[in-house]
Amino acid sequence: MVLVEGGSLIQGSEDFYSEEQPICEVAVGDLWVDIHPVTNAEFRRFVKDTGHVTVAEQPADPAEFPDADPQDLVPGSLVFTPAAGPVPLDDWQRWWRWQPGAEWRHPDGPGSSLNGRDRHPVVHVAHDDALAYSAWAAKRLPTEAEWEYAARGGLVGARYPWGDDFMPRGRVMANTWHGDFPWRNDLPKKNGMTTPVGSYPANGYGLFDVSGNVWEWTASAWTASHAQMHIEAQAAASCCAPVRRTESTRFVTKGGSHLCAPSYCHRYRPAARQGHTIRSTTGHLGFRCAADP
């Protein structure tokens, strides 16, 4: 982990998506942050020690999905499949498929394995899985503000963790989609779409993969804007009633992934944010941990 000294975060951006607005100033305290997302090797140790069974390995509760076809309630997860050619970008089902048997050990479905992927980020993990790992490791998930502050690496207002130029002097700085999404990717890879952690330069705080590779869970509930987030945070602080977590509960994910492309999803920036339902799992969603000093 790296100790990131606290300070003032200028959170958000007015240049891209509405959910990143309004720009606001937030105080962030000192924080230990994992240098990189949790890897398959690290997650394997956790499962071996605890016997944890991930959400993707469990059948869905029919009571939560009364209208679902029973065959869709079997254990599994969403797996990316490149299109054969150009397709309209308004329908994610053209490149995502529900794959029975896909989970962290078999990221592409039955028959796939983690061979050669020990240092790749673990994927197909739900929010509850990330919380369980964090507790086992005596850590926690970072809040959205903490995550963004750490990801910026000390750069105030920069578009990316390394500055404003996406490819400074032509150098690829992160595992994102290069080419025509979702069918032609010009960034060479092996052993799947993710890359080993630390394959690209660290930010100013020494943190790797805060842009691209995999989306990362945070401890912050999803809101449509930063203004709403702060209003709800104040309300929660004055109320002792626990929040009921259901299938539709969403939490903030940050950092973008290897599937982010300017033509489709320009969210591989510290300011970018996306909501994800807590029990949904995909092949491009992982997490990293934080801890208080």
C-alpha atoms as a PDB file:
ATOM      1  CA  MET A   1       0.000   0.000   0.000  1.00  0.00           C
ATOM      2  CA  VAL A   2       0.935   3.664  -0.377  1.00  0.00           C
ATOM      3  CA  LEU A   3       0.197   6.327   2.227  1.00  0.00           C
ATOM      4  CA  VAL A   4      -1.563   9.162   0.421  1.00  0.00           C
ATOM      5  CA  GLU A   5      -1.490  12.350   2.449  1.00  0.00           C
ATOM      6  CA  GLY A   6      -4.873  14.027   2.681  1.00  0.00           C
ATOM      7  CA  GLY A   7      -5.837  17.365   1.247  1.00  0.00           C
ATOM      8  CA  SER A   8      -8.459  19.159  -0.802  1.00  0.00           C
ATOM      9  CA  LEU A   9     -10.029  17.412  -3.804  1.00  0.00           C
ATOM     10  CA  ILE A  10     -11.559  19.396  -6.643  1.00  0.00           C
ATOM     11  CA  GLN A  11     -14.027  16.658  -7.530  1.00  0.00           C
ATOM     12  CA  GLY A  12     -15.708  16.123 -10.886  1.00  0.00           C
ATOM     13  CA  SER A  13     -15.596  17.641 -14.360  1.00  0.00           C
ATOM     14  CA  GLU A  14     -17.844  19.830 -16.492  1.00  0.00           C
ATOM     15  CA  ASP A  15     -16.356  18.642 -19.798  1.00  0.00           C
ATOM     16  CA  PHE A  16     -17.882  15.169 -20.238  1.00  0.00           C
ATOM     17  CA  TYR A  17     -20.876  13.536 -18.543  1.00  0.00           C
ATOM     18  CA  SER A  18     -23.640  15.088 -16.466  1.00  0.00           C
ATOM     19  CA  GLU A  19     -23.146  12.731 -13.519  1.00  0.00           C
ATOM     20  CA  GLU A  20     -19.656  14.198 -13.002  1.00  0.00           C
ATOM     21  CA  GLN A  21     -21.149  17.584 -12.184  1.00  0.00           C
ATOM     22  CA  PRO A  22     -21.144  19.917 -10.407  1.00  0.00           C
ATOM     23  CA  ILE A  23     -17.478  20.414  -9.608  1.00  0.00           C
ATOM     24  CA  CYS A  24     -17.104  20.647  -5.837  1.00  0.00           C
ATOM     25  CA  GLU A  25     -14.349  20.838  -3.253  1.00  0.00           C
ATOM     26  CA  VAL A  26     -14.052  17.955  -0.803  1.00  0.00           C
ATOM     27  CA  ALA A  27     -11.659  17.394   2.096  1.00  0.00           C
ATOM     28  CA  VAL A  28      -9.955  13.988   2.106  1.00  0.00           C
ATOM     29  CA  GLY A  29      -7.957  12.644   5.043  1.00  0.00           C
ATOM     30  CA  ASP A  30      -4.722  10.645   5.038  1.00  0.00           C
ATOM     31  CA  LEU A  31      -5.279   7.221   3.534  1.00  0.00           C
ATOM     32  CA  TRP A  32      -3.444   3.993   2.819  1.00  0.00           C
ATOM     33  CA  VAL A  33      -4.299   2.769  -0.693  1.00  0.00           C
ATOM     34  CA  ASP A  34      -3.484  -0.490  -2.459  1.00  0.00           C
ATOM     35  CA  ILE A  35      -0.818   0.106  -5.093  1.00  0.00           C
ATOM     36  CA  HIS A  36      -2.866  -1.855  -7.636  1.00  0.00           C
ATOM     37  CA  PRO A  37      -6.248  -3.604  -7.926  1.00  0.00           C
ATOM     38  CA  VAL A  38      -6.608  -6.906  -6.090  1.00  0.00           C
ATOM     39  CA  THR A  39      -5.167  -9.655  -8.283  1.00  0.00           C
ATOM     40  CA  ASN A  40      -6.319 -13.187  -8.962  1.00  0.00           C
ATOM     41  CA  ALA A  41      -3.450 -14.545  -6.867  1.00  0.00           C
ATOM     42  CA  GLU A  42      -4.428 -12.353  -3.899  1.00  0.00           C
ATOM     43  CA  PHE A  43      -8.097 -13.229  -4.208  1.00  0.00           C
ATOM     44  CA  ARG A  44      -7.219 -16.936  -4.423  1.00  0.00           C
ATOM     45  CA  ARG A  45      -5.448 -16.709  -1.044  1.00  0.00           C
ATOM     46  CA  PHE A  46      -8.544 -15.083   0.450  1.00  0.00           C
ATOM     47  CA  VAL A  47     -10.849 -17.803  -0.890  1.00  0.00           C
ATOM     48  CA  LYS A  48      -8.500 -20.572   0.267  1.00  0.00           C
ATOM     49  CA  ASP A  49      -8.373 -19.069   3.748  1.00  0.00           C
ATOM     50  CA  THR A  50     -12.092 -18.345   4.149  1.00  0.00           C
ATOM     51  CA  GLY A  51     -13.951 -20.642   1.767  1.00  0.00           C
ATOM     52  CA  HIS A  52     -15.756 -17.611   0.375  1.00  0.00           C
ATOM     53  CA  VAL A  53     -18.184 -18.323  -2.472  1.00  0.00           C
ATOM     54  CA  THR A  54     -18.635 -15.334  -4.771  1.00  0.00           C
ATOM     55  CA  VAL A  55     -21.971 -14.008  -5.923  1.00  0.00           C
ATOM     56  CA  ALA A  56     -21.302 -15.176  -9.486  1.00  0.00           C
ATOM     57  CA  GLU A  57     -20.920 -18.737  -8.194  1.00  0.00           C
ATOM     58  CA  GLN A  58     -24.364 -18.724  -6.570  1.00  0.00           C
ATOM     59  CA  PRO A  59     -27.772 -19.080  -8.231  1.00  0.00           C
ATOM     60  CA  ALA A  60     -29.866 -15.920  -8.121  1.00  0.00           C
ATOM     61  CA  ASP A  61     -32.807 -15.733  -5.718  1.00  0.00           C
ATOM     62  CA  PRO A  62     -36.053 -16.228  -7.712  1.00  0.00           C
ATOM     63  CA  ALA A  63     -37.830 -13.923  -5.254  1.00  0.00           C
ATOM     64  CA  GLU A  64     -35.628 -11.058  -6.409  1.00  0.00           C
ATOM     65  CA  PHE A  65     -36.363 -11.800 -10.090  1.00  0.00           C
ATOM     66  CA  PRO A  66     -39.978 -12.988 -10.255  1.00  0.00           C
ATOM     67  CA  ASP A  67     -40.253 -12.460 -14.024  1.00  0.00           C
ATOM     68  CA  ALA A  68     -36.962 -14.108 -14.960  1.00  0.00           C
ATOM     69  CA  ASP A  69     -36.598 -17.316 -16.917  1.00  0.00           C
ATOM     70  CA  PRO A  70     -35.346 -19.988 -14.445  1.00  0.00           C
ATOM     71  CA  GLN A  71     -32.487 -20.876 -16.811  1.00  0.00           C
ATOM     72  CA  ASP A  72     -31.163 -17.335 -16.385  1.00  0.00           C
ATOM     73  CA  LEU A  73     -30.955 -17.710 -12.596  1.00  0.00           C
ATOM     74  CA  VAL A  74     -28.096 -20.201 -12.669  1.00  0.00           C
ATOM     75  CA  PRO A  75     -24.623 -19.154 -11.487  1.00  0.00           C
ATOM     76  CA  GLY A  76     -22.816 -17.079 -14.087  1.00  0.00           C
ATOM     77  CA  SER A  77     -21.735 -13.607 -15.098  1.00  0.00           C
ATOM     78  CA  LEU A  78     -21.500 -11.170 -18.012  1.00  0.00           C
ATOM     79  CA  VAL A  79     -18.676 -11.785 -20.484  1.00  0.00           C
ATOM     80  CA  PHE A  80     -17.539  -9.428 -23.233  1.00  0.00           C
ATOM     81  CA  THR A  81     -17.618 -10.774 -26.793  1.00  0.00           C
ATOM     82  CA  PRO A  82     -16.233  -8.592 -29.587  1.00  0.00           C
ATOM     83  CA  ALA A  83     -18.653  -7.899 -32.418  1.00  0.00           C
ATOM     84  CA  ALA A  84     -17.841  -9.204 -35.891  1.00  0.00           C
ATOM     85  CA  GLY A  85     -17.911  -5.683 -37.293  1.00  0.00           C
ATOM     86  CA  PRO A  86     -19.325  -2.194 -36.711  1.00  0.00           C
ATOM     87  CA  VAL A  87     -22.574  -2.149 -34.719  1.00  0.00           C
ATOM     88  CA  PRO A  88     -24.770   0.617 -33.241  1.00  0.00           C
ATOM     89  CA  LEU A  89     -23.433   1.641 -29.831  1.00  0.00           C
ATOM     90  CA  ASP A  90     -26.828   2.093 -28.172  1.00  0.00           C
ATOM     91  CA  ASP A  91     -27.320  -1.581 -27.261  1.00  0.00           C
ATOM     92  CA  TRP A  92     -24.797  -3.159 -24.868  1.00  0.00           C
ATOM     93  CA  GLN A  93     -26.244  -6.607 -25.542  1.00  0.00           C
ATOM     94  CA  ARG A  94     -24.459  -6.601 -28.890  1.00  0.00           C
ATOM     95  CA  TRP A  95     -21.142  -7.205 -27.090  1.00  0.00           C
ATOM     96  CA  TRP A  96     -22.051  -8.499 -23.629  1.00  0.00           C
ATOM     97  CA  ARG A  97     -23.458 -11.981 -23.110  1.00  0.00           C
ATOM     98  CA  TRP A  98     -24.758 -13.772 -20.039  1.00  0.00           C
ATOM     99  CA  GLN A  99     -22.427 -16.743 -19.606  1.00  0.00           C
ATOM    100  CA  PRO A 100     -23.448 -19.544 -17.202  1.00  0.00           C
ATOM    101  CA  GLY A 101     -20.399 -20.751 -15.316  1.00  0.00           C
ATOM    102  CA  ALA A 102     -18.398 -17.553 -15.731  1.00  0.00           C
ATOM    103  CA  GLU A 103     -16.826 -16.459 -12.419  1.00  0.00           C
ATOM    104  CA  TRP A 104     -13.468 -15.304 -11.104  1.00  0.00           C
ATOM    105  CA  ARG A 105     -11.737 -18.673 -11.617  1.00  0.00           C
ATOM    106  CA  HIS A 106     -13.195 -19.043 -15.123  1.00  0.00           C
ATOM    107  CA  PRO A 107     -13.328 -15.449 -16.391  1.00  0.00           C
ATOM    108  CA  ASP A 108     -14.402 -16.357 -19.936  1.00  0.00           C
ATOM    109  CA  GLY A 109     -16.744 -19.148 -18.906  1.00  0.00           C
ATOM    110  CA  PRO A 110     -16.358 -22.930 -18.513  1.00  0.00           C
ATOM    111  CA  GLY A 111     -13.143 -24.150 -20.053  1.00  0.00           C
ATOM    112  CA  SER A 112     -11.251 -20.936 -19.345  1.00  0.00           C
ATOM    113  CA  SER A 113      -8.802 -20.611 -16.469  1.00  0.00           C
ATOM    114  CA  LEU A 114      -6.466 -18.244 -14.653  1.00  0.00           C
ATOM    115  CA  ASN A 115      -3.428 -19.750 -16.356  1.00  0.00           C
ATOM    116  CA  GLY A 116      -1.066 -16.816 -16.952  1.00  0.00           C
ATOM    117  CA  ARG A 117      -3.381 -14.406 -15.162  1.00  0.00           C
ATOM    118  CA  ASP A 118      -2.159 -14.510 -11.551  1.00  0.00           C
ATOM    119  CA  ARG A 119      -1.198 -10.838 -11.696  1.00  0.00           C
ATOM    120  CA  HIS A 120      -4.280  -9.757 -13.623  1.00  0.00           C
ATOM    121  CA  PRO A 121      -7.000  -7.999 -11.613  1.00  0.00           C
ATOM    122  CA  VAL A 122      -9.654 -10.330 -10.260  1.00  0.00           C
ATOM    123  CA  VAL A 123     -12.972  -9.838 -12.073  1.00  0.00           C
ATOM    124  CA  HIS A 124     -16.562 -11.096 -11.808  1.00  0.00           C
ATOM    125  CA  VAL A 125     -16.654  -9.864  -8.206  1.00  0.00           C
ATOM    126  CA  ALA A 126     -19.772  -8.276  -6.745  1.00  0.00           C
ATOM    127  CA  HIS A 127     -19.800  -5.524  -4.139  1.00  0.00           C
ATOM    128  CA  ASP A 128     -20.356  -8.062  -1.346  1.00  0.00           C
ATOM    129  CA  ASP A 129     -17.309 -10.026  -2.525  1.00  0.00           C
ATOM    130  CA  ALA A 130     -15.167  -6.883  -2.400  1.00  0.00           C
ATOM    131  CA  LEU A 131     -16.444  -6.107   1.100  1.00  0.00           C
ATOM    132  CA  ALA A 132     -15.694  -9.647   2.276  1.00  0.00           C
ATOM    133  CA  TYR A 133     -12.140  -9.526   0.934  1.00  0.00           C
ATOM    134  CA  SER A 134     -11.552  -6.097   2.468  1.00  0.00           C
ATOM    135  CA  ALA A 135     -12.689  -7.287   5.892  1.00  0.00           C
ATOM    136  CA  TRP A 136     -10.457 -10.368   5.651  1.00  0.00           C
ATOM    137  CA  ALA A 137      -7.493  -8.154   4.759  1.00  0.00           C
ATOM    138  CA  ALA A 138      -8.280  -5.739   7.643  1.00  0.00           C
ATOM    139  CA  LYS A 139      -8.910  -3.005   5.096  1.00  0.00           C
ATOM    140  CA  ARG A 140     -11.974  -1.379   3.511  1.00  0.00           C
ATOM    141  CA  LEU A 141     -13.187  -0.006   0.212  1.00  0.00           C
ATOM    142  CA  PRO A 142     -12.345   3.649  -0.483  1.00  0.00           C
ATOM    143  CA  THR A 143     -15.129   6.181  -0.800  1.00  0.00           C
ATOM    144  CA  GLU A 144     -15.681   7.783  -4.183  1.00  0.00           C
ATOM    145  CA  ALA A 145     -13.933  10.979  -3.092  1.00  0.00           C
ATOM    146  CA  GLU A 146     -10.983   9.073  -1.613  1.00  0.00           C
ATOM    147  CA  TRP A 147     -10.629   7.016  -4.774  1.00  0.00           C
ATOM    148  CA  GLU A 148     -10.688  10.067  -7.054  1.00  0.00           C
ATOM    149  CA  TYR A 149      -8.263  11.991  -4.849  1.00  0.00           C
ATOM    150  CA  ALA A 150      -5.777   9.114  -4.877  1.00  0.00           C
ATOM    151  CA  ALA A 151      -6.230   8.473  -8.606  1.00  0.00           C
ATOM    152  CA  ARG A 152      -5.405  12.065  -9.504  1.00  0.00           C
ATOM    153  CA  GLY A 153      -1.925  11.544  -8.096  1.00  0.00           C
ATOM    154  CA  GLY A 154      -1.577  15.140  -6.931  1.00  0.00           C
ATOM    155  CA  LEU A 155      -2.616  16.711 -10.249  1.00  0.00           C
ATOM    156  CA  VAL A 156      -5.418  19.237  -9.762  1.00  0.00           C
ATOM    157  CA  GLY A 157      -7.952  19.399 -12.571  1.00  0.00           C
ATOM    158  CA  ALA A 158      -5.958  17.240 -15.018  1.00  0.00           C
ATOM    159  CA  ARG A 159      -7.998  15.157 -17.434  1.00  0.00           C
ATOM    160  CA  TYR A 160      -6.046  11.934 -16.837  1.00  0.00           C
ATOM    161  CA  PRO A 161      -3.941  10.671 -13.911  1.00  0.00           C
ATOM    162  CA  TRP A 162      -0.804  11.674 -15.864  1.00  0.00           C
ATOM    163  CA  GLY A 163      -1.948  15.007 -17.371  1.00  0.00           C
ATOM    164  CA  ASP A 164      -4.146  16.308 -20.178  1.00  0.00           C
ATOM    165  CA  ASP A 165      -2.614  14.465 -23.146  1.00  0.00           C
ATOM    166  CA  PHE A 166      -4.088  10.987 -23.639  1.00  0.00           C
ATOM    167  CA  MET A 167      -0.920   9.602 -25.254  1.00  0.00           C
ATOM    168  CA  PRO A 168       2.013  11.872 -24.384  1.00  0.00           C
ATOM    169  CA  ARG A 169       4.619  11.574 -27.159  1.00  0.00           C
ATOM    170  CA  GLY A 170       2.631   8.636 -28.521  1.00  0.00           C
ATOM    171  CA  ARG A 171       3.055   6.529 -25.378  1.00  0.00           C
ATOM    172  CA  VAL A 172       0.177   4.286 -24.292  1.00  0.00           C
ATOM    173  CA  MET A 173      -0.476   5.061 -20.623  1.00  0.00           C
ATOM    174  CA  ALA A 174      -3.290   2.662 -19.704  1.00  0.00           C
ATOM    175  CA  ASN A 175      -5.149  -0.463 -20.767  1.00  0.00           C
ATOM    176  CA  THR A 176      -8.066   1.074 -22.657  1.00  0.00           C
ATOM    177  CA  TRP A 177      -9.660   0.311 -26.022  1.00  0.00           C
ATOM    178  CA  HIS A 178      -7.672   1.518 -29.033  1.00  0.00           C
ATOM    179  CA  GLY A 179      -9.553   1.182 -32.303  1.00  0.00           C
ATOM    180  CA  ASP A 180     -13.189   0.817 -33.324  1.00  0.00           C
ATOM    181  CA  PHE A 181     -15.295  -0.394 -30.416  1.00  0.00           C
ATOM    182  CA  PRO A 182     -16.547  -3.106 -29.994  1.00  0.00           C
ATOM    183  CA  TRP A 183     -14.983  -5.058 -32.819  1.00  0.00           C
ATOM    184  CA  ARG A 184     -11.401  -3.924 -33.527  1.00  0.00           C
ATOM    185  CA  ASN A 185      -8.881  -3.385 -30.752  1.00  0.00           C
ATOM    186  CA  ASP A 186      -5.435  -2.271 -31.895  1.00  0.00           C
ATOM    187  CA  LEU A 187      -3.792  -2.655 -28.475  1.00  0.00           C
ATOM    188  CA  PRO A 188      -1.966  -6.012 -28.457  1.00  0.00           C
ATOM    189  CA  LYS A 189      -2.753  -8.223 -25.447  1.00  0.00           C
ATOM    190  CA  LYS A 190      -2.505 -11.813 -24.364  1.00  0.00           C
ATOM    191  CA  ASN A 191      -4.255 -13.925 -21.747  1.00  0.00           C
ATOM    192  CA  GLY A 192      -7.554 -12.097 -22.071  1.00  0.00           C
ATOM    193  CA  MET A 193      -8.554  -8.463 -22.234  1.00  0.00           C
ATOM    194  CA  THR A 194      -7.133  -7.416 -18.868  1.00  0.00           C
ATOM    195  CA  THR A 195      -3.402  -6.876 -18.404  1.00  0.00           C
ATOM    196  CA  PRO A 196      -1.117  -7.653 -15.448  1.00  0.00           C
ATOM    197  CA  VAL A 197      -1.240  -4.925 -12.816  1.00  0.00           C
ATOM    198  CA  GLY A 198       1.623  -2.475 -13.173  1.00  0.00           C
ATOM    199  CA  SER A 199       1.902  -2.905 -16.942  1.00  0.00           C
ATOM    200  CA  TYR A 200       1.575   0.856 -17.421  1.00  0.00           C
ATOM    201  CA  PRO A 201       3.106   3.829 -15.573  1.00  0.00           C
ATOM    202  CA  ALA A 202       2.055   4.693 -12.031  1.00  0.00           C
ATOM    203  CA  ASN A 203       0.491   8.037 -11.173  1.00  0.00           C
ATOM    204  CA  GLY A 204       2.124  10.685  -8.990  1.00  0.00           C
ATOM    205  CA  TYR A 205       1.339   8.744  -5.807  1.00  0.00           C
ATOM    206  CA  GLY A 206       2.782   5.487  -7.129  1.00  0.00           C
ATOM    207  CA  LEU A 207      -0.611   3.894  -7.839  1.00  0.00           C
ATOM    208  CA  PHE A 208      -1.057   1.656 -10.870  1.00  0.00           C
ATOM    209  CA  ASP A 209      -4.114   1.010 -13.022  1.00  0.00           C
ATOM    210  CA  VAL A 210      -6.240   3.897 -11.780  1.00  0.00           C
ATOM    211  CA  SER A 211      -7.144   4.401 -15.428  1.00  0.00           C
ATOM    212  CA  GLY A 212      -8.475   1.513 -17.497  1.00  0.00           C
ATOM    213  CA  ASN A 213      -7.923  -2.226 -17.019  1.00  0.00           C
ATOM    214  CA  VAL A 214     -10.912  -2.769 -14.684  1.00  0.00           C
ATOM    215  CA  TRP A 215     -13.602  -0.650 -13.113  1.00  0.00           C
ATOM    216  CA  GLU A 216     -13.230  -0.537  -9.319  1.00  0.00           C
ATOM    217  CA  TRP A 217     -15.890  -0.719  -6.619  1.00  0.00           C
ATOM    218  CA  THR A 218     -16.093   2.051  -4.014  1.00  0.00           C
ATOM    219  CA  ALA A 219     -17.910   2.333  -0.692  1.00  0.00           C
ATOM    220  CA  SER A 220     -20.169   5.141  -1.973  1.00  0.00           C
ATOM    221  CA  ALA A 221     -23.799   4.618  -2.949  1.00  0.00           C
ATOM    222  CA  TRP A 222     -24.639   5.806  -6.460  1.00  0.00           C
ATOM    223  CA  THR A 223     -26.227   9.202  -7.022  1.00  0.00           C
ATOM    224  CA  ALA A 224     -27.034  10.979 -10.267  1.00  0.00           C
ATOM    225  CA  SER A 225     -24.754  13.915  -9.449  1.00  0.00           C
ATOM    226  CA  HIS A 226     -22.173  15.133  -6.970  1.00  0.00           C
ATOM    227  CA  ALA A 227     -24.676  17.615  -5.531  1.00  0.00           C
ATOM    228  CA  GLN A 228     -27.117  14.809  -4.726  1.00  0.00           C
ATOM    229  CA  MET A 229     -24.279  12.721  -3.306  1.00  0.00           C
ATOM    230  CA  HIS A 230     -23.386  15.348  -0.713  1.00  0.00           C
ATOM    231  CA  ILE A 231     -27.025  15.941   0.223  1.00  0.00           C
ATOM    232  CA  GLU A 232     -27.580  12.223   0.789  1.00  0.00           C
ATOM    233  CA  ALA A 233     -24.306  11.881   2.705  1.00  0.00           C
ATOM    234  CA  GLN A 234     -25.407  14.609   5.113  1.00  0.00           C
ATOM    235  CA  ALA A 235     -28.813  12.976   5.542  1.00  0.00           C
ATOM    236  CA  ALA A 236     -27.234   9.585   6.233  1.00  0.00           C
ATOM    237  CA  ALA A 237     -24.926  11.091   8.839  1.00  0.00           C
ATOM    238  CA  SER A 238     -27.940  12.358  10.791  1.00  0.00           C
ATOM    239  CA  CYS A 239     -29.877   9.074  10.610  1.00  0.00           C
ATOM    240  CA  CYS A 240     -29.096   5.819  12.358  1.00  0.00           C
ATOM    241  CA  ALA A 241     -31.342   3.604  10.188  1.00  0.00           C
ATOM    242  CA  PRO A 242     -29.339   1.096   8.117  1.00  0.00           C
ATOM    243  CA  VAL A 243     -29.655   1.175   4.337  1.00  0.00           C
ATOM    244  CA  ARG A 244     -31.410  -1.910   2.962  1.00  0.00           C
ATOM    245  CA  ARG A 245     -29.351  -3.476   0.168  1.00  0.00           C
ATOM    246  CA  THR A 246     -31.429  -5.037  -2.622  1.00  0.00           C
ATOM    247  CA  GLU A 247     -30.666  -6.272  -6.137  1.00  0.00           C
ATOM    248  CA  SER A 248     -31.316  -2.753  -7.451  1.00  0.00           C
ATOM    249  CA  THR A 249     -28.997  -0.996  -4.988  1.00  0.00           C
ATOM    250  CA  ARG A 250     -26.182   0.667  -6.906  1.00  0.00           C
ATOM    251  CA  PHE A 251     -22.714   1.742  -5.818  1.00  0.00           C
ATOM    252  CA  VAL A 252     -20.187   3.963  -7.546  1.00  0.00           C
ATOM    253  CA  THR A 253     -17.457   2.376  -9.641  1.00  0.00           C
ATOM    254  CA  LYS A 254     -14.439   4.349 -10.814  1.00  0.00           C
ATOM    255  CA  GLY A 255     -11.528   4.218 -13.235  1.00  0.00           C
ATOM    256  CA  GLY A 256     -12.993   2.855 -16.446  1.00  0.00           C
ATOM    257  CA  SER A 257     -11.786  -0.381 -17.997  1.00  0.00           C
ATOM    258  CA  HIS A 258     -10.110  -2.020 -20.958  1.00  0.00           C
ATOM    259  CA  LEU A 259     -13.412  -1.567 -22.830  1.00  0.00           C
ATOM    260  CA  CYS A 260     -13.466   2.228 -22.543  1.00  0.00           C
ATOM    261  CA  ALA A 261     -13.016   3.997 -25.866  1.00  0.00           C
ATOM    262  CA  PRO A 262     -13.533   7.688 -26.725  1.00  0.00           C
ATOM    263  CA  SER A 263     -16.211   6.750 -29.251  1.00  0.00           C
ATOM    264  CA  TYR A 264     -18.240   4.887 -26.635  1.00  0.00           C
ATOM    265  CA  CYS A 265     -17.137   5.429 -23.025  1.00  0.00           C
ATOM    266  CA  HIS A 266     -14.642   8.184 -22.218  1.00  0.00           C
ATOM    267  CA  ARG A 267     -14.617   7.207 -18.553  1.00  0.00           C
ATOM    268  CA  TYR A 268     -10.985   6.234 -18.003  1.00  0.00           C
ATOM    269  CA  ARG A 269     -10.519   9.545 -16.141  1.00  0.00           C
ATOM    270  CA  PRO A 270     -10.391  10.194 -12.367  1.00  0.00           C
ATOM    271  CA  ALA A 271     -13.516  12.385 -12.542  1.00  0.00           C
ATOM    272  CA  ALA A 272     -15.589   9.751 -14.334  1.00  0.00           C
ATOM    273  CA  ARG A 273     -18.057   7.645 -12.379  1.00  0.00           C
ATOM    274  CA  GLN A 274     -20.591   4.948 -13.070  1.00  0.00           C
ATOM    275  CA  GLY A 275     -23.263   3.194 -11.023  1.00  0.00           C
ATOM    276  CA  HIS A 276     -23.323  -0.596 -10.796  1.00  0.00           C
ATOM    277  CA  THR A 277     -25.880  -2.789  -9.060  1.00  0.00           C
ATOM    278  CA  ILE A 278     -24.236  -4.527  -6.137  1.00  0.00           C
ATOM    279  CA  ARG A 279     -24.808  -8.148  -7.210  1.00  0.00           C
ATOM    280  CA  SER A 280     -24.119  -7.673 -10.914  1.00  0.00           C
ATOM    281  CA  THR A 281     -20.762  -9.073 -11.998  1.00  0.00           C
ATOM    282  CA  THR A 282     -18.831  -8.604 -15.214  1.00  0.00           C
ATOM    283  CA  GLY A 283     -15.492  -9.414 -16.786  1.00  0.00           C
ATOM    284  CA  HIS A 284     -14.251  -5.839 -16.413  1.00  0.00           C
ATOM    285  CA  LEU A 285     -15.100  -5.037 -12.784  1.00  0.00           C
ATOM    286  CA  GLY A 286     -12.734  -5.457  -9.830  1.00  0.00           C
ATOM    287  CA  PHE A 287     -11.602  -3.420  -6.809  1.00  0.00           C
ATOM    288  CA  ARG A 288      -8.741  -2.185  -4.668  1.00  0.00           C
ATOM    289  CA  CYS A 289      -8.681  -1.605  -0.918  1.00  0.00           C
ATOM    290  CA  ALA A 290      -7.894   1.296   1.360  1.00  0.00           C
ATOM    291  CA  ALA A 291      -7.173   1.618   5.074  1.00  0.00           C
ATOM    292  CA  ASP A 292      -7.104   4.377   7.651  1.00  0.00           C
ATOM    293  CA  PRO A 293      -3.687   5.372   9.059  1.00  0.00           C
END
